[in-house]
Amino acid sequence: MDAEIPDEWDCPRCGLPGGQDEKNPPAAPRTEPYKTHLAYVKERRSDADGEAILAEALERLRQRREI
């Protein structure tokens, strides 16, 4: 009885946010599309960076084979 009613909460049926004002409901959350690990890497590195990293890694592997 003494609990404070929150301004917003998640609807137990649909999962969208709910509120006390029926005429002005809270906005639905914006969902981001799923991104793969490669998509995140491509956001941080250019193709030239990727080529340089690949060349460096291949060179290290080739040096290991010679030992």
PDB file of N, CA and C in Angstrom:
ATOM      1  N   MET A   1       0.811  -1.192   0.000  1.00  0.00           N
ATOM      2  CA  MET A   1       0.000   0.000   0.000  1.00  0.00           C
ATOM      3  C   MET A   1       0.860   1.264   0.000  1.00  0.00           C
ATOM      4  N   ASP A   2       2.020   1.198   0.652  1.00  0.00           N
ATOM      5  CA  ASP A   2       2.864   2.379   0.739  1.00  0.00           C
ATOM      6  C   ASP A   2       3.856   2.471  -0.409  1.00  0.00           C
ATOM      7  N   ALA A   3       3.838   1.495  -1.303  1.00  0.00           N
ATOM      8  CA  ALA A   3       4.807   1.473  -2.400  1.00  0.00           C
ATOM      9  C   ALA A   3       4.511   2.593  -3.391  1.00  0.00           C
ATOM     10  N   GLU A   4       5.564   3.179  -3.922  1.00  0.00           N
ATOM     11  CA  GLU A   4       5.431   4.249  -4.903  1.00  0.00           C
ATOM     12  C   GLU A   4       5.217   3.636  -6.292  1.00  0.00           C
ATOM     13  N   ILE A   5       4.264   4.144  -7.038  1.00  0.00           N
ATOM     14  CA  ILE A   5       3.981   3.640  -8.387  1.00  0.00           C
ATOM     15  C   ILE A   5       5.007   4.246  -9.334  1.00  0.00           C
ATOM     16  N   PRO A   6       5.712   3.417 -10.098  1.00  0.00           N
ATOM     17  CA  PRO A   6       6.731   3.951 -11.012  1.00  0.00           C
ATOM     18  C   PRO A   6       6.094   4.698 -12.181  1.00  0.00           C
ATOM     19  N   ASP A   7       6.849   5.610 -12.780  1.00  0.00           N
ATOM     20  CA  ASP A   7       6.360   6.347 -13.942  1.00  0.00           C
ATOM     21  C   ASP A   7       6.239   5.429 -15.157  1.00  0.00           C
ATOM     22  N   GLU A   8       7.171   4.480 -15.294  1.00  0.00           N
ATOM     23  CA  GLU A   8       7.166   3.531 -16.412  1.00  0.00           C
ATOM     24  C   GLU A   8       7.474   2.134 -15.905  1.00  0.00           C
ATOM     25  N   TRP A   9       6.988   1.113 -16.623  1.00  0.00           N
ATOM     26  CA  TRP A   9       7.288  -0.278 -16.320  1.00  0.00           C
ATOM     27  C   TRP A   9       7.103  -1.083 -17.597  1.00  0.00           C
ATOM     28  N   ASP A  10       7.626  -2.290 -17.627  1.00  0.00           N
ATOM     29  CA  ASP A  10       7.479  -3.164 -18.790  1.00  0.00           C
ATOM     30  C   ASP A  10       6.159  -3.916 -18.691  1.00  0.00           C
ATOM     31  N   CYS A  11       5.414  -3.934 -19.786  1.00  0.00           N
ATOM     32  CA  CYS A  11       4.140  -4.640 -19.830  1.00  0.00           C
ATOM     33  C   CYS A  11       4.399  -6.146 -19.737  1.00  0.00           C
ATOM     34  N   PRO A  12       3.714  -6.857 -18.849  1.00  0.00           N
ATOM     35  CA  PRO A  12       3.937  -8.304 -18.728  1.00  0.00           C
ATOM     36  C   PRO A  12       3.431  -9.089 -19.936  1.00  0.00           C
ATOM     37  N   ARG A  13       2.535  -8.509 -20.740  1.00  0.00           N
ATOM     38  CA  ARG A  13       2.004  -9.225 -21.914  1.00  0.00           C
ATOM     39  C   ARG A  13       2.859  -9.025 -23.159  1.00  0.00           C
ATOM     40  N   CYS A  14       3.207  -7.766 -23.461  1.00  0.00           N
ATOM     41  CA  CYS A  14       3.914  -7.508 -24.720  1.00  0.00           C
ATOM     42  C   CYS A  14       5.370  -7.109 -24.525  1.00  0.00           C
ATOM     43  N   GLY A  15       5.768  -6.728 -23.301  1.00  0.00           N
ATOM     44  CA  GLY A  15       7.149  -6.361 -23.036  1.00  0.00           C
ATOM     45  C   GLY A  15       7.465  -4.902 -23.330  1.00  0.00           C
ATOM     46  N   LEU A  16       6.538  -4.162 -23.933  1.00  0.00           N
ATOM     47  CA  LEU A  16       6.774  -2.753 -24.219  1.00  0.00           C
ATOM     48  C   LEU A  16       6.600  -1.930 -22.946  1.00  0.00           C
ATOM     49  N   PRO A  17       7.195  -0.731 -22.905  1.00  0.00           N
ATOM     50  CA  PRO A  17       7.037   0.085 -21.704  1.00  0.00           C
ATOM     51  C   PRO A  17       5.595   0.561 -21.536  1.00  0.00           C
ATOM     52  N   GLY A  18       5.149   0.619 -20.312  1.00  0.00           N
ATOM     53  CA  GLY A  18       3.819   1.103 -19.978  1.00  0.00           C
ATOM     54  C   GLY A  18       3.925   2.258 -19.013  1.00  0.00           C
ATOM     55  N   GLY A  19       2.867   3.013 -18.885  1.00  0.00           N
ATOM     56  CA  GLY A  19       2.864   4.145 -17.975  1.00  0.00           C
ATOM     57  C   GLY A  19       1.469   4.427 -17.477  1.00  0.00           C
ATOM     58  N   GLN A  20       1.345   5.465 -16.650  1.00  0.00           N
ATOM     59  CA  GLN A  20       0.062   5.811 -16.058  1.00  0.00           C
ATOM     60  C   GLN A  20      -0.793   6.675 -16.981  1.00  0.00           C
ATOM     61  N   ASP A  21      -0.197   7.407 -17.904  1.00  0.00           N
ATOM     62  CA  ASP A  21      -0.932   8.310 -18.791  1.00  0.00           C
ATOM     63  C   ASP A  21      -1.319   7.566 -20.067  1.00  0.00           C
ATOM     64  N   GLU A  22      -2.591   7.210 -20.201  1.00  0.00           N
ATOM     65  CA  GLU A  22      -3.056   6.452 -21.373  1.00  0.00           C
ATOM     66  C   GLU A  22      -2.941   7.256 -22.661  1.00  0.00           C
ATOM     67  N   LYS A  23      -3.086   8.572 -22.592  1.00  0.00           N
ATOM     68  CA  LYS A  23      -3.044   9.418 -23.784  1.00  0.00           C
ATOM     69  C   LYS A  23      -1.624   9.711 -24.242  1.00  0.00           C
ATOM     70  N   ASN A  24      -0.664   9.539 -23.380  1.00  0.00           N
ATOM     71  CA  ASN A  24       0.731   9.812 -23.713  1.00  0.00           C
ATOM     72  C   ASN A  24       1.606   8.663 -23.220  1.00  0.00           C
ATOM     73  N   PRO A  25       1.528   7.495 -23.885  1.00  0.00           N
ATOM     74  CA  PRO A  25       2.319   6.345 -23.420  1.00  0.00           C
ATOM     75  C   PRO A  25       3.807   6.535 -23.721  1.00  0.00           C
ATOM     76  N   PRO A  26       4.662   5.853 -22.992  1.00  0.00           N
ATOM     77  CA  PRO A  26       6.103   5.949 -23.258  1.00  0.00           C
ATOM     78  C   PRO A  26       6.428   5.377 -24.639  1.00  0.00           C
ATOM     79  N   ALA A  27       7.464   5.910 -25.239  1.00  0.00           N
ATOM     80  CA  ALA A  27       7.884   5.454 -26.570  1.00  0.00           C
ATOM     81  C   ALA A  27       8.455   4.044 -26.485  1.00  0.00           C
ATOM     82  N   ALA A  28       8.224   3.288 -27.527  1.00  0.00           N
ATOM     83  CA  ALA A  28       8.779   1.928 -27.601  1.00  0.00           C
ATOM     84  C   ALA A  28      10.295   2.014 -27.753  1.00  0.00           C
ATOM     85  N   PRO A  29      11.033   1.111 -27.126  1.00  0.00           N
ATOM     86  CA  PRO A  29      12.490   1.154 -27.250  1.00  0.00           C
ATOM     87  C   PRO A  29      12.919   0.829 -28.675  1.00  0.00           C
ATOM     88  N   ARG A  30      13.967   1.472 -29.095  1.00  0.00           N
ATOM     89  CA  ARG A  30      14.512   1.233 -30.437  1.00  0.00           C
ATOM     90  C   ARG A  30      15.441   0.039 -30.364  1.00  0.00           C
ATOM     91  N   THR A  31      15.189  -0.963 -31.166  1.00  0.00           N
ATOM     92  CA  THR A  31      16.030  -2.155 -31.152  1.00  0.00           C
ATOM     93  C   THR A  31      17.066  -2.064 -32.264  1.00  0.00           C
ATOM     94  N   GLU A  32      18.288  -2.334 -31.899  1.00  0.00           N
ATOM     95  CA  GLU A  32      19.384  -2.330 -32.860  1.00  0.00           C
ATOM     96  C   GLU A  32      19.451  -3.687 -33.548  1.00  0.00           C
ATOM     97  N   PRO A  33      19.743  -3.698 -34.838  1.00  0.00           N
ATOM     98  CA  PRO A  33      19.861  -4.993 -35.517  1.00  0.00           C
ATOM     99  C   PRO A  33      21.086  -5.753 -35.007  1.00  0.00           C
ATOM    100  N   TYR A  34      21.030  -7.069 -35.108  1.00  0.00           N
ATOM    101  CA  TYR A  34      22.140  -7.912 -34.665  1.00  0.00           C
ATOM    102  C   TYR A  34      23.351  -7.663 -35.546  1.00  0.00           C
ATOM    103  N   LYS A  35      24.499  -7.511 -34.920  1.00  0.00           N
ATOM    104  CA  LYS A  35      25.745  -7.327 -35.664  1.00  0.00           C
ATOM    105  C   LYS A  35      26.687  -8.470 -35.331  1.00  0.00           C
ATOM    106  N   THR A  36      27.380  -8.926 -36.337  1.00  0.00           N
ATOM    107  CA  THR A  36      28.380  -9.969 -36.128  1.00  0.00           C
ATOM    108  C   THR A  36      29.663  -9.334 -35.601  1.00  0.00           C
ATOM    109  N   HIS A  37      30.569 -10.186 -35.151  1.00  0.00           N
ATOM    110  CA  HIS A  37      31.869  -9.701 -34.692  1.00  0.00           C
ATOM    111  C   HIS A  37      32.580  -8.981 -35.833  1.00  0.00           C
ATOM    112  N   LEU A  38      32.482  -9.537 -37.039  1.00  0.00           N
ATOM    113  CA  LEU A  38      33.133  -8.929 -38.194  1.00  0.00           C
ATOM    114  C   LEU A  38      32.582  -7.531 -38.469  1.00  0.00           C
ATOM    115  N   ALA A  39      31.290  -7.326 -38.298  1.00  0.00           N
ATOM    116  CA  ALA A  39      30.700  -6.005 -38.524  1.00  0.00           C
ATOM    117  C   ALA A  39      31.268  -4.979 -37.542  1.00  0.00           C
ATOM    118  N   TYR A  40      31.445  -5.376 -36.283  1.00  0.00           N
ATOM    119  CA  TYR A  40      32.029  -4.465 -35.300  1.00  0.00           C
ATOM    120  C   TYR A  40      33.487  -4.156 -35.639  1.00  0.00           C
ATOM    121  N   VAL A  41      34.217  -5.154 -36.089  1.00  0.00           N
ATOM    122  CA  VAL A  41      35.622  -4.930 -36.464  1.00  0.00           C
ATOM    123  C   VAL A  41      35.700  -3.973 -37.644  1.00  0.00           C
ATOM    124  N   LYS A  42      34.824  -4.152 -38.631  1.00  0.00           N
ATOM    125  CA  LYS A  42      34.841  -3.280 -39.807  1.00  0.00           C
ATOM    126  C   LYS A  42      34.481  -1.838 -39.456  1.00  0.00           C
ATOM    127  N   GLU A  43      33.729  -1.630 -38.388  1.00  0.00           N
ATOM    128  CA  GLU A  43      33.436  -0.268 -37.944  1.00  0.00           C
ATOM    129  C   GLU A  43      34.686   0.410 -37.393  1.00  0.00           C
ATOM    130  N   ARG A  44      35.569  -0.381 -36.789  1.00  0.00           N
ATOM    131  CA  ARG A  44      36.754   0.190 -36.146  1.00  0.00           C
ATOM    132  C   ARG A  44      37.966   0.266 -37.056  1.00  0.00           C
ATOM    133  N   ARG A  45      38.031  -0.594 -38.073  1.00  0.00           N
ATOM    134  CA  ARG A  45      39.233  -0.657 -38.900  1.00  0.00           C
ATOM    135  C   ARG A  45      38.891  -0.513 -40.376  1.00  0.00           C
ATOM    136  N   SER A  46      39.807   0.118 -41.108  1.00  0.00           N
ATOM    137  CA  SER A  46      39.626   0.249 -42.551  1.00  0.00           C
ATOM    138  C   SER A  46      40.148  -1.026 -43.225  1.00  0.00           C
ATOM    139  N   ASP A  47      39.872  -1.162 -44.517  1.00  0.00           N
ATOM    140  CA  ASP A  47      40.378  -2.320 -45.261  1.00  0.00           C
ATOM    141  C   ASP A  47      41.905  -2.335 -45.271  1.00  0.00           C
ATOM    142  N   ALA A  48      42.505  -1.156 -45.363  1.00  0.00           N
ATOM    143  CA  ALA A  48      43.978  -1.071 -45.365  1.00  0.00           C
ATOM    144  C   ALA A  48      44.536  -1.554 -44.020  1.00  0.00           C
ATOM    145  N   ASP A  49      43.891  -1.169 -42.924  1.00  0.00           N
ATOM    146  CA  ASP A  49      44.326  -1.639 -41.601  1.00  0.00           C
ATOM    147  C   ASP A  49      44.229  -3.162 -41.524  1.00  0.00           C
ATOM    148  N   GLY A  50      43.128  -3.702 -42.026  1.00  0.00           N
ATOM    149  CA  GLY A  50      42.939  -5.151 -42.009  1.00  0.00           C
ATOM    150  C   GLY A  50      44.001  -5.877 -42.803  1.00  0.00           C
ATOM    151  N   GLU A  51      44.327  -5.349 -43.977  1.00  0.00           N
ATOM    152  CA  GLU A  51      45.375  -5.959 -44.809  1.00  0.00           C
ATOM    153  C   GLU A  51      46.720  -5.929 -44.092  1.00  0.00           C
ATOM    154  N   ALA A  52      47.034  -4.818 -43.427  1.00  0.00           N
ATOM    155  CA  ALA A  52      48.311  -4.696 -42.714  1.00  0.00           C
ATOM    156  C   ALA A  52      48.371  -5.690 -41.551  1.00  0.00           C
ATOM    157  N   ILE A  53      47.301  -5.825 -40.808  1.00  0.00           N
ATOM    158  CA  ILE A  53      47.271  -6.764 -39.678  1.00  0.00           C
ATOM    159  C   ILE A  53      47.398  -8.197 -40.184  1.00  0.00           C
ATOM    160  N   LEU A  54      46.694  -8.515 -41.273  1.00  0.00           N
ATOM    161  CA  LEU A  54      46.776  -9.857 -41.850  1.00  0.00           C
ATOM    162  C   LEU A  54      48.187 -10.161 -42.335  1.00  0.00           C
ATOM    163  N   ALA A  55      48.811  -9.215 -43.007  1.00  0.00           N
ATOM    164  CA  ALA A  55      50.172  -9.419 -43.504  1.00  0.00           C
ATOM    165  C   ALA A  55      51.139  -9.644 -42.340  1.00  0.00           C
ATOM    166  N   GLU A  56      50.966  -8.884 -41.276  1.00  0.00           N
ATOM    167  CA  GLU A  56      51.829  -9.037 -40.097  1.00  0.00           C
ATOM    168  C   GLU A  56      51.649 -10.423 -39.467  1.00  0.00           C
ATOM    169  N   ALA A  57      50.408 -10.866 -39.349  1.00  0.00           N
ATOM    170  CA  ALA A  57      50.136 -12.172 -38.747  1.00  0.00           C
ATOM    171  C   ALA A  57      50.686 -13.298 -39.619  1.00  0.00           C
ATOM    172  N   LEU A  58      50.522 -13.176 -40.930  1.00  0.00           N
ATOM    173  CA  LEU A  58      51.062 -14.199 -41.839  1.00  0.00           C
ATOM    174  C   LEU A  58      52.584 -14.254 -41.773  1.00  0.00           C
ATOM    175  N   GLU A  59      53.210 -13.100 -41.657  1.00  0.00           N
ATOM    176  CA  GLU A  59      54.666 -13.062 -41.553  1.00  0.00           C
ATOM    177  C   GLU A  59      55.143 -13.768 -40.278  1.00  0.00           C
ATOM    178  N   ARG A  60      54.436 -13.548 -39.168  1.00  0.00           N
ATOM    179  CA  ARG A  60      54.798 -14.231 -37.924  1.00  0.00           C
ATOM    180  C   ARG A  60      54.648 -15.744 -38.059  1.00  0.00           C
ATOM    181  N   LEU A  61      53.578 -16.185 -38.713  1.00  0.00           N
ATOM    182  CA  LEU A  61      53.387 -17.619 -38.923  1.00  0.00           C
ATOM    183  C   LEU A  61      54.484 -18.211 -39.797  1.00  0.00           C
ATOM    184  N   ARG A  62      54.868 -17.501 -40.829  1.00  0.00           N
ATOM    185  CA  ARG A  62      55.941 -17.984 -41.712  1.00  0.00           C
ATOM    186  C   ARG A  62      57.267 -18.075 -40.961  1.00  0.00           C
ATOM    187  N   GLN A  63      57.530 -17.129 -40.068  1.00  0.00           N
ATOM    188  CA  GLN A  63      58.770 -17.161 -39.284  1.00  0.00           C
ATOM    189  C   GLN A  63      58.759 -18.344 -38.328  1.00  0.00           C
ATOM    190  N   ARG A  64      57.610 -18.708 -37.780  1.00  0.00           N
ATOM    191  CA  ARG A  64      57.515 -19.866 -36.892  1.00  0.00           C
ATOM    192  C   ARG A  64      57.843 -21.162 -37.624  1.00  0.00           C
ATOM    193  N   ARG A  65      57.396 -21.255 -38.859  1.00  0.00           N
ATOM    194  CA  ARG A  65      57.618 -22.477 -39.648  1.00  0.00           C
ATOM    195  C   ARG A  65      59.104 -22.671 -39.934  1.00  0.00           C
ATOM    196  N   GLU A  66      59.849 -21.561 -40.045  1.00  0.00           N
ATOM    197  CA  GLU A  66      61.267 -21.645 -40.368  1.00  0.00           C
ATOM    198  C   GLU A  66      62.094 -22.116 -39.176  1.00  0.00           C
ATOM    199  N   ILE A  67      61.583 -21.950 -37.980  1.00  0.00           N
ATOM    200  CA  ILE A  67      62.354 -22.292 -36.771  1.00  0.00           C
ATOM    201  C   ILE A  67      62.398 -23.763 -36.548  1.00  0.00           C
TER     202      ILE A  67
END
